[in-house]
């Protein structure tokens, strides 16, 4: 089972999609987050791992 952690909540995701698709299915905008697997940032087009955890960290910007 693979999960995505978003703002303290955990949602189960499937492993046959990209991280961007998984984020969208969880109801978040992928371009507003950095995604980590094993504590390391990964591109949004990365395939979701079969087992493990993807962490979504909100990005804040502005001026």
PDB file of N, CA and C in Angstrom:
ATOM      1  N   UNK A   1       0.851  -1.189   0.000  1.00  0.00           N
ATOM      2  CA  UNK A   1       0.000   0.000   0.000  1.00  0.00           C
ATOM      3  C   UNK A   1       0.889   1.241   0.000  1.00  0.00           C
ATOM      4  N   UNK A   2       0.516   2.193  -0.814  1.00  0.00           N
ATOM      5  CA  UNK A   2       1.218   3.474  -0.862  1.00  0.00           C
ATOM      6  C   UNK A   2       0.278   4.552  -0.358  1.00  0.00           C
ATOM      7  N   UNK A   3       0.833   5.495   0.398  1.00  0.00           N
ATOM      8  CA  UNK A   3       0.026   6.587   0.930  1.00  0.00           C
ATOM      9  C   UNK A   3       0.657   7.924   0.562  1.00  0.00           C
ATOM     10  N   UNK A   4      -0.183   8.959   0.551  1.00  0.00           N
ATOM     11  CA  UNK A   4       0.295  10.324   0.378  1.00  0.00           C
ATOM     12  C   UNK A   4      -0.070  11.101   1.631  1.00  0.00           C
ATOM     13  N   UNK A   5       0.930  11.713   2.232  1.00  0.00           N
ATOM     14  CA  UNK A   5       0.713  12.566   3.410  1.00  0.00           C
ATOM     15  C   UNK A   5       0.571  14.002   2.944  1.00  0.00           C
ATOM     16  N   UNK A   6      -0.554  14.603   3.326  1.00  0.00           N
ATOM     17  CA  UNK A   6      -0.849  15.984   2.948  1.00  0.00           C
ATOM     18  C   UNK A   6      -1.362  16.707   4.183  1.00  0.00           C
ATOM     19  N   UNK A   7      -0.622  17.699   4.644  1.00  0.00           N
ATOM     20  CA  UNK A   7      -1.052  18.512   5.790  1.00  0.00           C
ATOM     21  C   UNK A   7      -1.519  17.656   6.962  1.00  0.00           C
ATOM     22  N   UNK A   8      -0.769  16.614   7.298  1.00  0.00           N
ATOM     23  CA  UNK A   8      -1.109  15.787   8.452  1.00  0.00           C
ATOM     24  C   UNK A   8      -2.110  14.683   8.179  1.00  0.00           C
ATOM     25  N   UNK A   9      -2.785  14.710   7.040  1.00  0.00           N
ATOM     26  CA  UNK A   9      -3.717  13.636   6.724  1.00  0.00           C
ATOM     27  C   UNK A   9      -3.023  12.606   5.825  1.00  0.00           C
ATOM     28  N   UNK A  10      -3.541  11.409   5.822  1.00  0.00           N
ATOM     29  CA  UNK A  10      -2.969  10.328   5.017  1.00  0.00           C
ATOM     30  C   UNK A  10      -4.045   9.796   4.080  1.00  0.00           C
ATOM     31  N   UNK A  11      -3.713   9.710   2.791  1.00  0.00           N
ATOM     32  CA  UNK A  11      -4.654   9.180   1.809  1.00  0.00           C
ATOM     33  C   UNK A  11      -3.977   8.058   1.042  1.00  0.00           C
ATOM     34  N   UNK A  12      -4.689   6.961   0.844  1.00  0.00           N
ATOM     35  CA  UNK A  12      -4.162   5.842   0.073  1.00  0.00           C
ATOM     36  C   UNK A  12      -4.207   6.189  -1.409  1.00  0.00           C
ATOM     37  N   UNK A  13      -3.120   5.871  -2.117  1.00  0.00           N
ATOM     38  CA  UNK A  13      -3.051   6.140  -3.550  1.00  0.00           C
ATOM     39  C   UNK A  13      -2.601   4.867  -4.277  1.00  0.00           C
ATOM     40  N   UNK A  14      -2.899   4.809  -5.579  1.00  0.00           N
ATOM     41  CA  UNK A  14      -2.500   3.643  -6.365  1.00  0.00           C
ATOM     42  C   UNK A  14      -1.110   3.853  -6.941  1.00  0.00           C
ATOM     43  N   UNK A  15      -0.450   2.767  -7.295  1.00  0.00           N
ATOM     44  CA  UNK A  15       0.928   2.861  -7.762  1.00  0.00           C
ATOM     45  C   UNK A  15       1.064   2.873  -9.283  1.00  0.00           C
ATOM     46  N   UNK A  16      -0.035   2.862 -10.011  1.00  0.00           N
ATOM     47  CA  UNK A  16       0.053   2.827 -11.475  1.00  0.00           C
ATOM     48  C   UNK A  16      -0.148   4.197 -12.124  1.00  0.00           C
ATOM     49  N   UNK A  17       0.080   5.268 -11.351  1.00  0.00           N
ATOM     50  CA  UNK A  17      -0.096   6.629 -11.852  1.00  0.00           C
ATOM     51  C   UNK A  17       1.104   7.488 -11.442  1.00  0.00           C
ATOM     52  N   UNK A  18       1.170   8.705 -11.983  1.00  0.00           N
ATOM     53  CA  UNK A  18       2.245   9.621 -11.596  1.00  0.00           C
ATOM     54  C   UNK A  18       1.875  10.339 -10.299  1.00  0.00           C
ATOM     55  N   UNK A  19       2.855  10.967  -9.715  1.00  0.00           N
ATOM     56  CA  UNK A  19       2.607  11.725  -8.492  1.00  0.00           C
ATOM     57  C   UNK A  19       1.631  12.869  -8.758  1.00  0.00           C
ATOM     58  N   UNK A  20       1.740  13.535  -9.909  1.00  0.00           N
ATOM     59  CA  UNK A  20       0.808  14.617 -10.247  1.00  0.00           C
ATOM     60  C   UNK A  20      -0.621  14.101 -10.324  1.00  0.00           C
ATOM     61  N   UNK A  21      -0.816  12.929 -10.938  1.00  0.00           N
ATOM     62  CA  UNK A  21      -2.160  12.348 -11.029  1.00  0.00           C
ATOM     63  C   UNK A  21      -2.676  11.949  -9.649  1.00  0.00           C
ATOM     64  N   UNK A  22      -1.787  11.416  -8.818  1.00  0.00           N
ATOM     65  CA  UNK A  22      -2.188  11.037  -7.461  1.00  0.00           C
ATOM     66  C   UNK A  22      -2.588  12.271  -6.656  1.00  0.00           C
ATOM     67  N   UNK A  23      -1.829  13.353  -6.800  1.00  0.00           N
ATOM     68  CA  UNK A  23      -2.149  14.587  -6.078  1.00  0.00           C
ATOM     69  C   UNK A  23      -3.516  15.118  -6.500  1.00  0.00           C
ATOM     70  N   UNK A  24      -3.779  15.124  -7.796  1.00  0.00           N
ATOM     71  CA  UNK A  24      -5.068  15.586  -8.300  1.00  0.00           C
ATOM     72  C   UNK A  24      -6.198  14.717  -7.754  1.00  0.00           C
ATOM     73  N   UNK A  25      -5.977  13.400  -7.708  1.00  0.00           N
ATOM     74  CA  UNK A  25      -7.013  12.503  -7.189  1.00  0.00           C
ATOM     75  C   UNK A  25      -7.249  12.712  -5.689  1.00  0.00           C
ATOM     76  N   UNK A  26      -6.250  13.284  -5.006  1.00  0.00           N
ATOM     77  CA  UNK A  26      -6.394  13.585  -3.576  1.00  0.00           C
ATOM     78  C   UNK A  26      -7.012  14.969  -3.351  1.00  0.00           C
ATOM     79  N   UNK A  27      -7.268  15.691  -4.448  1.00  0.00           N
ATOM     80  CA  UNK A  27      -7.935  16.990  -4.333  1.00  0.00           C
ATOM     81  C   UNK A  27      -7.014  18.174  -4.136  1.00  0.00           C
ATOM     82  N   UNK A  28      -5.722  18.008  -4.471  1.00  0.00           N
ATOM     83  CA  UNK A  28      -4.805  19.143  -4.361  1.00  0.00           C
ATOM     84  C   UNK A  28      -4.230  19.478  -5.726  1.00  0.00           C
ATOM     85  N   UNK A  29      -3.771  20.733  -5.867  1.00  0.00           N
ATOM     86  CA  UNK A  29      -3.125  21.175  -7.109  1.00  0.00           C
ATOM     87  C   UNK A  29      -1.651  20.787  -7.042  1.00  0.00           C
ATOM     88  N   UNK A  30      -1.181  19.921  -7.912  1.00  0.00           N
ATOM     89  CA  UNK A  30       0.194  19.446  -7.830  1.00  0.00           C
ATOM     90  C   UNK A  30       1.249  20.550  -7.926  1.00  0.00           C
ATOM     91  N   UNK A  31       0.956  21.619  -8.672  1.00  0.00           N
ATOM     92  CA  UNK A  31       1.949  22.686  -8.818  1.00  0.00           C
ATOM     93  C   UNK A  31       2.093  23.550  -7.567  1.00  0.00           C
ATOM     94  N   UNK A  32       1.301  23.313  -6.551  1.00  0.00           N
ATOM     95  CA  UNK A  32       1.395  24.064  -5.295  1.00  0.00           C
ATOM     96  C   UNK A  32       2.171  23.293  -4.222  1.00  0.00           C
ATOM     97  N   UNK A  33       2.747  22.151  -4.589  1.00  0.00           N
ATOM     98  CA  UNK A  33       3.427  21.283  -3.630  1.00  0.00           C
ATOM     99  C   UNK A  33       4.761  20.785  -4.170  1.00  0.00           C
ATOM    100  N   UNK A  34       5.646  20.456  -3.250  1.00  0.00           N
ATOM    101  CA  UNK A  34       6.858  19.694  -3.546  1.00  0.00           C
ATOM    102  C   UNK A  34       6.597  18.301  -3.009  1.00  0.00           C
ATOM    103  N   UNK A  35       6.986  17.288  -3.760  1.00  0.00           N
ATOM    104  CA  UNK A  35       6.727  15.905  -3.358  1.00  0.00           C
ATOM    105  C   UNK A  35       8.026  15.211  -2.984  1.00  0.00           C
ATOM    106  N   UNK A  36       7.991  14.504  -1.872  1.00  0.00           N
ATOM    107  CA  UNK A  36       9.164  13.822  -1.355  1.00  0.00           C
ATOM    108  C   UNK A  36       8.907  12.323  -1.264  1.00  0.00           C
ATOM    109  N   UNK A  37       9.886  11.545  -1.671  1.00  0.00           N
ATOM    110  CA  UNK A  37       9.873  10.103  -1.462  1.00  0.00           C
ATOM    111  C   UNK A  37      11.183   9.774  -0.752  1.00  0.00           C
ATOM    112  N   UNK A  38      11.081   9.161   0.401  1.00  0.00           N
ATOM    113  CA  UNK A  38      12.286   8.860   1.171  1.00  0.00           C
ATOM    114  C   UNK A  38      13.018  10.111   1.618  1.00  0.00           C
ATOM    115  N   UNK A  39      12.282  11.207   1.790  1.00  0.00           N
ATOM    116  CA  UNK A  39      12.881  12.460   2.226  1.00  0.00           C
ATOM    117  C   UNK A  39      13.562  13.258   1.131  1.00  0.00           C
ATOM    118  N   UNK A  40      13.507  12.775  -0.112  1.00  0.00           N
ATOM    119  CA  UNK A  40      14.151  13.468  -1.229  1.00  0.00           C
ATOM    120  C   UNK A  40      13.106  13.967  -2.209  1.00  0.00           C
ATOM    121  N   UNK A  41      13.269  15.211  -2.707  1.00  0.00           N
ATOM    122  CA  UNK A  41      12.307  15.745  -3.677  1.00  0.00           C
ATOM    123  C   UNK A  41      12.364  14.967  -4.991  1.00  0.00           C
ATOM    124  N   UNK A  42      11.190  14.764  -5.578  1.00  0.00           N
ATOM    125  CA  UNK A  42      11.082  14.058  -6.856  1.00  0.00           C
ATOM    126  C   UNK A  42      10.194  14.859  -7.803  1.00  0.00           C
ATOM    127  N   UNK A  43      10.392  14.723  -9.114  1.00  0.00           N
ATOM    128  CA  UNK A  43       9.533  15.416 -10.085  1.00  0.00           C
ATOM    129  C   UNK A  43       8.098  14.895 -10.044  1.00  0.00           C
ATOM    130  N   UNK A  44       7.165  15.744 -10.468  1.00  0.00           N
ATOM    131  CA  UNK A  44       5.746  15.359 -10.466  1.00  0.00           C
ATOM    132  C   UNK A  44       5.431  14.240 -11.440  1.00  0.00           C
ATOM    133  N   UNK A  45       6.289  14.004 -12.440  1.00  0.00           N
ATOM    134  CA  UNK A  45       6.018  12.936 -13.396  1.00  0.00           C
ATOM    135  C   UNK A  45       6.597  11.587 -12.952  1.00  0.00           C
ATOM    136  N   UNK A  46       7.082  11.523 -11.714  1.00  0.00           N
ATOM    137  CA  UNK A  46       7.592  10.277 -11.144  1.00  0.00           C
ATOM    138  C   UNK A  46       6.444   9.302 -10.908  1.00  0.00           C
ATOM    139  N   UNK A  47       6.668   8.051 -11.222  1.00  0.00           N
ATOM    140  CA  UNK A  47       5.677   6.998 -10.963  1.00  0.00           C
ATOM    141  C   UNK A  47       5.562   6.789  -9.449  1.00  0.00           C
ATOM    142  N   UNK A  48       4.348   6.664  -8.953  1.00  0.00           N
ATOM    143  CA  UNK A  48       4.118   6.393  -7.531  1.00  0.00           C
ATOM    144  C   UNK A  48       4.723   5.021  -7.203  1.00  0.00           C
ATOM    145  N   UNK A  49       5.532   4.929  -6.127  1.00  0.00           N
ATOM    146  CA  UNK A  49       6.121   3.629  -5.776  1.00  0.00           C
ATOM    147  C   UNK A  49       5.048   2.638  -5.324  1.00  0.00           C
ATOM    148  N   UNK A  50       5.331   1.341  -5.504  1.00  0.00           N
ATOM    149  CA  UNK A  50       4.348   0.310  -5.140  1.00  0.00           C
ATOM    150  C   UNK A  50       4.097   0.255  -3.638  1.00  0.00           C
ATOM    151  N   UNK A  51       5.107   0.486  -2.858  1.00  0.00           N
ATOM    152  CA  UNK A  51       4.976   0.489  -1.400  1.00  0.00           C
ATOM    153  C   UNK A  51       5.665   1.739  -0.879  1.00  0.00           C
ATOM    154  N   UNK A  52       5.128   2.318   0.158  1.00  0.00           N
ATOM    155  CA  UNK A  52       5.812   3.450   0.763  1.00  0.00           C
ATOM    156  C   UNK A  52       4.927   4.656   0.951  1.00  0.00           C
ATOM    157  N   UNK A  53       5.597   5.800   0.941  1.00  0.00           N
ATOM    158  CA  UNK A  53       4.918   7.038   1.296  1.00  0.00           C
ATOM    159  C   UNK A  53       5.429   8.172   0.432  1.00  0.00           C
ATOM    160  N   UNK A  54       4.500   8.986  -0.037  1.00  0.00           N
ATOM    161  CA  UNK A  54       4.823  10.213  -0.745  1.00  0.00           C
ATOM    162  C   UNK A  54       4.370  11.357   0.162  1.00  0.00           C
ATOM    163  N   UNK A  55       5.262  12.274   0.469  1.00  0.00           N
ATOM    164  CA  UNK A  55       4.903  13.424   1.303  1.00  0.00           C
ATOM    165  C   UNK A  55       4.730  14.650   0.414  1.00  0.00           C
ATOM    166  N   UNK A  56       3.628  15.357   0.612  1.00  0.00           N
ATOM    167  CA  UNK A  56       3.348  16.584  -0.132  1.00  0.00           C
ATOM    168  C   UNK A  56       3.579  17.762   0.800  1.00  0.00           C
ATOM    169  N   UNK A  57       4.521  18.639   0.416  1.00  0.00           N
ATOM    170  CA  UNK A  57       4.855  19.813   1.222  1.00  0.00           C
ATOM    171  C   UNK A  57       4.417  21.047   0.454  1.00  0.00           C
ATOM    172  N   UNK A  58       3.569  21.841   1.063  1.00  0.00           N
ATOM    173  CA  UNK A  58       3.025  23.044   0.414  1.00  0.00           C
ATOM    174  C   UNK A  58       4.128  24.052   0.160  1.00  0.00           C
ATOM    175  N   UNK A  59       4.119  24.651  -1.027  1.00  0.00           N
ATOM    176  CA  UNK A  59       5.087  25.672  -1.403  1.00  0.00           C
ATOM    177  C   UNK A  59       4.436  27.028  -1.248  1.00  0.00           C
ATOM    178  N   UNK A  60       5.128  27.929  -0.596  1.00  0.00           N
ATOM    179  CA  UNK A  60       4.613  29.298  -0.439  1.00  0.00           C
ATOM    180  C   UNK A  60       5.566  30.252  -1.157  1.00  0.00           C
ATOM    181  N   UNK A  61       4.996  31.144  -1.933  1.00  0.00           N
ATOM    182  CA  UNK A  61       5.823  32.129  -2.624  1.00  0.00           C
ATOM    183  C   UNK A  61       5.061  33.441  -2.683  1.00  0.00           C
ATOM    184  N   UNK A  62       5.764  34.435  -2.993  1.00  0.00           N
ATOM    185  CA  UNK A  62       5.127  35.746  -3.102  1.00  0.00           C
ATOM    186  C   UNK A  62       6.162  36.827  -2.938  1.00  0.00           C
ATOM    187  N   UNK A  63       5.677  38.018  -2.883  1.00  0.00           N
ATOM    188  CA  UNK A  63       6.641  39.105  -2.795  1.00  0.00           C
ATOM    189  C   UNK A  63       6.066  40.272  -2.074  1.00  0.00           C
TER     190      UNK A  63
END
